[in-house]
PDB file of N, CA and C in Angstrom:
ATOM      1  N   MET A   1    -118.776 -49.311 -97.137  1.00  0.00           N
ATOM      2  CA  MET A   1    -118.842 -49.897 -99.105  1.00  0.00           C
ATOM      3  C   MET A   1    -117.364 -49.123 -99.154  1.00  0.00           C
ATOM      4  N   ARG A   2    -116.936 -50.216-100.106  1.00  0.00           N
ATOM      5  CA  ARG A   2    -115.550 -49.917-100.648  1.00  0.00           C
ATOM      6  C   ARG A   2    -115.510 -49.226-101.851  1.00  0.00           C
ATOM      7  N   THR A   3    -114.709 -47.999-101.847  1.00  0.00           N
ATOM      8  CA  THR A   3    -115.019 -46.866-102.850  1.00  0.00           C
ATOM      9  C   THR A   3    -113.198 -46.843-103.481  1.00  0.00           C
ATOM     10  N   TRP A   4    -113.430 -46.627-104.744  1.00  0.00           N
ATOM     11  CA  TRP A   4    -111.938 -46.248-105.421  1.00  0.00           C
ATOM     12  C   TRP A   4    -112.579 -45.039-106.429  1.00  0.00           C
ATOM     13  N   PRO A   5    -111.428 -44.366-107.135  1.00  0.00           N
ATOM     14  CA  PRO A   5    -111.391 -43.279-107.892  1.00  0.00           C
ATOM     15  C   PRO A   5    -110.971 -44.232-109.799  1.00  0.00           C
ATOM     16  N   LEU A   6    -112.062 -43.580-110.336  1.00  0.00           N
ATOM     17  CA  LEU A   6    -112.058 -44.058-111.743  1.00  0.00           C
ATOM     18  C   LEU A   6    -111.776 -42.821-113.130  1.00  0.00           C
ATOM     19  N   ASP A   7    -110.715 -42.916-113.369  1.00  0.00           N
ATOM     20  CA  ASP A   7    -110.491 -41.882-114.455  1.00  0.00           C
ATOM     21  C   ASP A   7    -110.540 -42.234-115.981  1.00  0.00           C
ATOM     22  N   VAL A   8    -111.726 -41.714-116.834  1.00  0.00           N
ATOM     23  CA  VAL A   8    -111.963 -42.388-117.992  1.00  0.00           C
ATOM     24  C   VAL A   8    -111.996 -40.771-118.320  1.00  0.00           C
ATOM     25  N   ASP A   9    -111.055 -40.969-119.747  1.00  0.00           N
ATOM     26  CA  ASP A   9    -111.084 -39.788-120.785  1.00  0.00           C
ATOM     27  C   ASP A   9    -111.296 -38.388-119.975  1.00  0.00           C
ATOM     28  N   GLY A  10    -110.753 -38.154-119.002  1.00  0.00           N
ATOM     29  CA  GLY A  10    -110.302 -37.220-118.286  1.00  0.00           C
ATOM     30  C   GLY A  10    -111.712 -36.780-117.190  1.00  0.00           C
ATOM     31  N   HIS A  11    -112.271 -37.427-117.314  1.00  0.00           N
ATOM     32  CA  HIS A  11    -113.507 -37.395-116.310  1.00  0.00           C
ATOM     33  C   HIS A  11    -113.001 -38.206-115.282  1.00  0.00           C
ATOM     34  N   ARG A  12    -113.706 -37.694-114.039  1.00  0.00           N
ATOM     35  CA  ARG A  12    -113.397 -38.760-112.393  1.00  0.00           C
ATOM     36  C   ARG A  12    -114.625 -39.339-111.997  1.00  0.00           C
ATOM     37  N   PHE A  13    -114.414 -40.346-111.807  1.00  0.00           N
ATOM     38  CA  PHE A  13    -115.856 -41.310-111.277  1.00  0.00           C
ATOM     39  C   PHE A  13    -115.297 -41.632-109.740  1.00  0.00           C
ATOM     40  N   GLU A  14    -116.322 -41.883-109.269  1.00  0.00           N
ATOM     41  CA  GLU A  14    -115.966 -42.415-107.887  1.00  0.00           C
ATOM     42  C   GLU A  14    -117.109 -43.943-107.769  1.00  0.00           C
ATOM     43  N   VAL A  15    -116.336 -45.046-107.726  1.00  0.00           N
ATOM     44  CA  VAL A  15    -116.649 -46.234-107.850  1.00  0.00           C
ATOM     45  C   VAL A  15    -116.826 -46.908-106.288  1.00  0.00           C
ATOM     46  N   GLY A  16    -118.237 -47.328-105.961  1.00  0.00           N
ATOM     47  CA  GLY A  16    -118.484 -47.724-104.675  1.00  0.00           C
ATOM     48  C   GLY A  16    -119.279 -49.146-104.807  1.00  0.00           C
ATOM     49  N   GLU A  17    -118.564 -50.185-104.469  1.00  0.00           N
ATOM     50  CA  GLU A  17    -118.887 -51.618-104.608  1.00  0.00           C
ATOM     51  C   GLU A  17    -120.136 -51.706-103.514  1.00  0.00           C
ATOM     52  N   ARG A  18    -121.244 -51.570-103.549  1.00  0.00           N
ATOM     53  CA  ARG A  18    -122.433 -51.261-102.509  1.00  0.00           C
ATOM     54  C   ARG A  18    -122.897 -52.871-102.281  1.00  0.00           C
ATOM     55  N   ALA A  19    -123.019 -53.846-103.199  1.00  0.00           N
ATOM     56  CA  ALA A  19    -122.901 -55.354-102.597  1.00  0.00           C
ATOM     57  C   ALA A  19    -121.794 -56.260-103.712  1.00  0.00           C
ATOM     58  N   PRO A  20    -121.978 -57.324-103.892  1.00  0.00           N
ATOM     59  CA  PRO A  20    -121.373 -57.977-104.809  1.00  0.00           C
ATOM     60  C   PRO A  20    -121.517 -58.155-106.019  1.00  0.00           C
ATOM     61  N   GLY A  21    -121.056 -57.513-106.667  1.00  0.00           N
ATOM     62  CA  GLY A  21    -121.381 -57.167-108.100  1.00  0.00           C
ATOM     63  C   GLY A  21    -122.312 -56.161-108.546  1.00  0.00           C
ATOM     64  N   THR A  22    -122.327 -55.373-107.692  1.00  0.00           N
ATOM     65  CA  THR A  22    -123.263 -53.768-108.394  1.00  0.00           C
ATOM     66  C   THR A  22    -122.450 -52.931-107.628  1.00  0.00           C
ATOM     67  N   TYR A  23    -122.158 -51.945-108.715  1.00  0.00           N
ATOM     68  CA  TYR A  23    -121.534 -51.049-108.501  1.00  0.00           C
ATOM     69  C   TYR A  23    -122.036 -49.365-108.944  1.00  0.00           C
ATOM     70  N   ASP A  24    -121.896 -48.542-107.673  1.00  0.00           N
ATOM     71  CA  ASP A  24    -122.484 -47.271-108.127  1.00  0.00           C
ATOM     72  C   ASP A  24    -121.411 -46.338-108.636  1.00  0.00           C
ATOM     73  N   LEU A  25    -121.776 -46.015-109.732  1.00  0.00           N
ATOM     74  CA  LEU A  25    -120.580 -45.038-110.218  1.00  0.00           C
ATOM     75  C   LEU A  25    -120.949 -43.166-110.297  1.00  0.00           C
ATOM     76  N   THR A  26    -119.981 -42.877-109.463  1.00  0.00           N
ATOM     77  CA  THR A  26    -120.628 -41.210-109.117  1.00  0.00           C
ATOM     78  C   THR A  26    -119.775 -40.311-110.427  1.00  0.00           C
ATOM     79  N   TRP A  27    -120.153 -39.610-110.904  1.00  0.00           N
ATOM     80  CA  TRP A  27    -119.398 -38.677-111.428  1.00  0.00           C
ATOM     81  C   TRP A  27    -118.982 -37.616-111.210  1.00  0.00           C
ATOM     82  N   VAL A  28    -117.740 -37.514-110.627  1.00  0.00           N
ATOM     83  CA  VAL A  28    -117.389 -36.643-109.571  1.00  0.00           C
ATOM     84  C   VAL A  28    -117.066 -35.570-110.438  1.00  0.00           C
ATOM     85  N   THR A  29    -116.336 -35.374-111.857  1.00  0.00           N
ATOM     86  CA  THR A  29    -116.233 -33.618-112.021  1.00  0.00           C
ATOM     87  C   THR A  29    -117.293 -33.461-113.158  1.00  0.00           C
ATOM     88  N   GLY A  30    -118.666 -34.183-112.807  1.00  0.00           N
ATOM     89  CA  GLY A  30    -119.957 -33.797-113.784  1.00  0.00           C
ATOM     90  C   GLY A  30    -120.421 -32.576-112.969  1.00  0.00           C
ATOM     91  N   PRO A  31    -120.894 -31.982-113.218  1.00  0.00           N
ATOM     92  CA  PRO A  31    -121.810 -30.673-113.099  1.00  0.00           C
ATOM     93  C   PRO A  31    -123.037 -30.713-112.116  1.00  0.00           C
ATOM     94  N   ASN A  32    -123.705 -31.913-112.285  1.00  0.00           N
ATOM     95  CA  ASN A  32    -124.224 -32.268-111.003  1.00  0.00           C
ATOM     96  C   ASN A  32    -123.973 -32.801-110.097  1.00  0.00           C
ATOM     97  N   ASP A  33    -124.063 -32.152-108.929  1.00  0.00           N
ATOM     98  CA  ASP A  33    -123.505 -33.289-107.254  1.00  0.00           C
ATOM     99  C   ASP A  33    -124.190 -34.783-107.063  1.00  0.00           C
ATOM    100  N   GLY A  34    -123.617 -35.567-107.576  1.00  0.00           N
ATOM    101  CA  GLY A  34    -124.093 -37.077-106.926  1.00  0.00           C
ATOM    102  C   GLY A  34    -124.530 -37.686-107.781  1.00  0.00           C
ATOM    103  N   TYR A  35    -124.598 -36.970-109.391  1.00  0.00           N
ATOM    104  CA  TYR A  35    -125.232 -37.336-110.431  1.00  0.00           C
ATOM    105  C   TYR A  35    -124.174 -39.063-110.853  1.00  0.00           C
ATOM    106  N   GLY A  36    -125.072 -39.999-111.333  1.00  0.00           N
ATOM    107  CA  GLY A  36    -123.886 -41.290-111.922  1.00  0.00           C
ATOM    108  C   GLY A  36    -125.012 -42.715-112.446  1.00  0.00           C
ATOM    109  N   PHE A  37    -124.538 -43.060-112.176  1.00  0.00           N
ATOM    110  CA  PHE A  37    -125.130 -44.369-112.379  1.00  0.00           C
ATOM    111  C   PHE A  37    -124.805 -46.300-111.859  1.00  0.00           C
ATOM    112  N   THR A  38    -125.645 -46.690-112.307  1.00  0.00           N
ATOM    113  CA  THR A  38    -124.832 -48.150-111.341  1.00  0.00           C
ATOM    114  C   THR A  38    -124.948 -49.294-112.406  1.00  0.00           C
ATOM    115  N   ILE A  39    -123.801 -50.241-112.327  1.00  0.00           N
ATOM    116  CA  ILE A  39    -123.781 -51.251-113.140  1.00  0.00           C
ATOM    117  C   ILE A  39    -123.832 -52.669-112.191  1.00  0.00           C
ATOM    118  N   GLY A  40    -124.269 -53.659-112.641  1.00  0.00           N
ATOM    119  CA  GLY A  40    -124.301 -54.773-111.710  1.00  0.00           C
ATOM    120  C   GLY A  40    -124.261 -56.054-112.648  1.00  0.00           C
ATOM    121  N   THR A  41    -124.022 -57.038-111.958  1.00  0.00           N
ATOM    122  CA  THR A  41    -124.502 -58.517-112.605  1.00  0.00           C
ATOM    123  C   THR A  41    -125.361 -58.905-111.844  1.00  0.00           C
ATOM    124  N   ASN A  42    -126.233 -60.299-112.430  1.00  0.00           N
ATOM    125  CA  ASN A  42    -126.996 -60.892-111.867  1.00  0.00           C
ATOM    126  C   ASN A  42    -126.855 -61.801-111.270  1.00  0.00           C
ATOM    127  N   ASP A  43    -125.649 -62.232-110.946  1.00  0.00           N
ATOM    128  CA  ASP A  43    -124.958 -63.688-110.000  1.00  0.00           C
ATOM    129  C   ASP A  43    -124.155 -63.117-109.034  1.00  0.00           C
ATOM    130  N   GLY A  44    -123.910 -61.984-108.888  1.00  0.00           N
ATOM    131  CA  GLY A  44    -123.062 -60.884-108.167  1.00  0.00           C
ATOM    132  C   GLY A  44    -121.455 -61.306-108.521  1.00  0.00           C
ATOM    133  N   SER A  45    -121.229 -62.014-109.287  1.00  0.00           N
ATOM    134  CA  SER A  45    -119.704 -61.636-109.752  1.00  0.00           C
ATOM    135  C   SER A  45    -119.053 -60.213-109.997  1.00  0.00           C
ATOM    136  N   PRO A  46    -117.616 -60.369-110.236  1.00  0.00           N
ATOM    137  CA  PRO A  46    -117.078 -58.936-110.218  1.00  0.00           C
ATOM    138  C   PRO A  46    -116.958 -58.569-111.581  1.00  0.00           C
ATOM    139  N   VAL A  47    -117.616 -56.916-111.907  1.00  0.00           N
ATOM    140  CA  VAL A  47    -117.971 -56.557-113.098  1.00  0.00           C
ATOM    141  C   VAL A  47    -115.632 -56.217-113.239  1.00  0.00           C
ATOM    142  N   PRO A  48    -115.377 -56.582-114.449  1.00  0.00           N
ATOM    143  CA  PRO A  48    -113.882 -56.238-114.756  1.00  0.00           C
ATOM    144  C   PRO A  48    -113.505 -54.342-115.200  1.00  0.00           C
ATOM    145  N   PRO A  49    -112.398 -54.131-114.438  1.00  0.00           N
ATOM    146  CA  PRO A  49    -111.839 -52.933-114.808  1.00  0.00           C
ATOM    147  C   PRO A  49    -112.607 -52.309-115.861  1.00  0.00           C
ATOM    148  N   GLU A  50    -112.158 -53.137-117.220  1.00  0.00           N
ATOM    149  CA  GLU A  50    -112.333 -52.361-118.429  1.00  0.00           C
ATOM    150  C   GLU A  50    -113.972 -52.172-118.909  1.00  0.00           C
ATOM    151  N   SER A  51    -114.445 -53.317-118.330  1.00  0.00           N
ATOM    152  CA  SER A  51    -116.015 -53.032-118.260  1.00  0.00           C
ATOM    153  C   SER A  51    -116.767 -51.884-117.481  1.00  0.00           C
ATOM    154  N   LEU A  52    -116.307 -51.690-116.306  1.00  0.00           N
ATOM    155  CA  LEU A  52    -116.529 -50.272-115.547  1.00  0.00           C
ATOM    156  C   LEU A  52    -115.962 -49.063-116.500  1.00  0.00           C
ATOM    157  N   GLU A  53    -115.162 -48.692-117.230  1.00  0.00           N
ATOM    158  CA  GLU A  53    -114.500 -47.933-118.126  1.00  0.00           C
ATOM    159  C   GLU A  53    -115.507 -48.208-119.031  1.00  0.00           C
ATOM    160  N   SER A  54    -115.742 -49.247-119.678  1.00  0.00           N
ATOM    161  CA  SER A  54    -116.205 -49.133-120.729  1.00  0.00           C
ATOM    162  C   SER A  54    -118.329 -48.414-120.660  1.00  0.00           C
ATOM    163  N   ALA A  55    -118.500 -48.859-119.197  1.00  0.00           N
ATOM    164  CA  ALA A  55    -120.156 -47.999-119.158  1.00  0.00           C
ATOM    165  C   ALA A  55    -119.587 -46.818-118.722  1.00  0.00           C
ATOM    166  N   ALA A  56    -118.710 -46.248-118.370  1.00  0.00           N
ATOM    167  CA  ALA A  56    -118.306 -45.031-118.094  1.00  0.00           C
ATOM    168  C   ALA A  56    -118.223 -43.760-119.450  1.00  0.00           C
ATOM    169  N   ARG A  57    -117.502 -44.765-120.289  1.00  0.00           N
ATOM    170  CA  ARG A  57    -117.743 -44.096-121.486  1.00  0.00           C
ATOM    171  C   ARG A  57    -119.154 -43.808-122.361  1.00  0.00           C
ATOM    172  N   ASP A  58    -119.959 -44.789-122.015  1.00  0.00           N
ATOM    173  CA  ASP A  58    -120.807 -45.041-122.592  1.00  0.00           C
ATOM    174  C   ASP A  58    -121.788 -43.985-121.929  1.00  0.00           C
ATOM    175  N   PHE A  59    -121.960 -43.917-120.795  1.00  0.00           N
ATOM    176  CA  PHE A  59    -122.936 -42.967-120.075  1.00  0.00           C
ATOM    177  C   PHE A  59    -122.122 -41.691-120.530  1.00  0.00           C
ATOM    178  N   LEU A  60    -120.898 -41.293-120.359  1.00  0.00           N
ATOM    179  CA  LEU A  60    -120.476 -39.644-120.944  1.00  0.00           C
ATOM    180  C   LEU A  60    -120.996 -39.668-122.202  1.00  0.00           C
ATOM    181  N   ARG A  61    -120.962 -40.394-123.218  1.00  0.00           N
ATOM    182  CA  ARG A  61    -121.751 -40.188-124.892  1.00  0.00           C
ATOM    183  C   ARG A  61    -123.150 -39.767-124.556  1.00  0.00           C
ATOM    184  N   ASP A  62    -123.746 -40.339-123.536  1.00  0.00           N
ATOM    185  CA  ASP A  62    -124.834 -40.318-123.713  1.00  0.00           C
ATOM    186  C   ASP A  62    -125.511 -39.210-122.916  1.00  0.00           C
ATOM    187  N   VAL A  63    -124.981 -38.179-122.396  1.00  0.00           N
ATOM    188  CA  VAL A  63    -125.066 -37.071-121.494  1.00  0.00           C
ATOM    189  C   VAL A  63    -125.307 -35.932-122.727  1.00  0.00           C
ATOM    190  N   ASP A  64    -126.279 -35.271-122.396  1.00  0.00           N
ATOM    191  CA  ASP A  64    -126.864 -33.908-122.751  1.00  0.00           C
ATOM    192  C   ASP A  64    -125.760 -33.180-122.386  1.00  0.00           C
ATOM    193  N   PRO A  65    -124.600 -32.347-123.391  1.00  0.00           N
ATOM    194  CA  PRO A  65    -123.842 -31.362-122.523  1.00  0.00           C
ATOM    195  C   PRO A  65    -124.202 -29.980-122.081  1.00  0.00           C
ATOM    196  N   GLU A  66    -125.390 -29.744-122.556  1.00  0.00           N
ATOM    197  CA  GLU A  66    -126.501 -28.520-121.867  1.00  0.00           C
ATOM    198  C   GLU A  66    -126.670 -28.665-120.169  1.00  0.00           C
ATOM    199  N   THR A  67    -127.371 -30.113-120.113  1.00  0.00           N
ATOM    200  CA  THR A  67    -127.558 -30.011-118.934  1.00  0.00           C
ATOM    201  C   THR A  67    -126.708 -30.733-117.927  1.00  0.00           C
ATOM    202  N   GLY A  68    -125.892 -31.864-118.793  1.00  0.00           N
ATOM    203  CA  GLY A  68    -124.933 -32.809-118.055  1.00  0.00           C
ATOM    204  C   GLY A  68    -125.766 -33.725-117.128  1.00  0.00           C
ATOM    205  N   TYR A  69    -127.122 -34.190-118.010  1.00  0.00           N
ATOM    206  CA  TYR A  69    -128.012 -34.961-117.555  1.00  0.00           C
ATOM    207  C   TYR A  69    -127.904 -36.244-118.925  1.00  0.00           C
ATOM    208  N   LEU A  70    -127.837 -37.572-118.739  1.00  0.00           N
ATOM    209  CA  LEU A  70    -128.708 -37.916-119.754  1.00  0.00           C
ATOM    210  C   LEU A  70    -129.659 -37.715-120.570  1.00  0.00           C
ATOM    211  N   ARG A  71    -129.609 -37.974-121.629  1.00  0.00           N
ATOM    212  CA  ARG A  71    -130.559 -36.991-123.108  1.00  0.00           C
ATOM    213  C   ARG A  71    -132.215 -37.895-122.377  1.00  0.00           C
ATOM    214  N   GLU A  72    -132.750 -37.194-123.140  1.00  0.00           N
ATOM    215  CA  GLU A  72    -133.968 -37.553-122.611  1.00  0.00           C
ATOM    216  C   GLU A  72    -134.616 -38.373-123.680  1.00  0.00           C
ATOM    217  N   ASP A  73    -133.902 -38.243-125.226  1.00  0.00           N
ATOM    218  CA  ASP A  73    -134.803 -38.960-126.789  1.00  0.00           C
ATOM    219  C   ASP A  73    -134.486 -40.452-126.481  1.00  0.00           C
TER     220      ASP A  73
END
């Protein structure tokens, strides 16, 4: 799997392309080892870097600062 770093608003993610159009983003600077999310396309087309950054910002916005996990609400 090809991987590369992605820095977003002072946070670092490791992006791994699991399959064409499917990306696992692991929150490297987060408090929970190995925690992150997956983003992908239905047709296997690449996700542009700006879309990966936007998805990471959305993820960070939805994280509960007390637990470091997505909010349950």
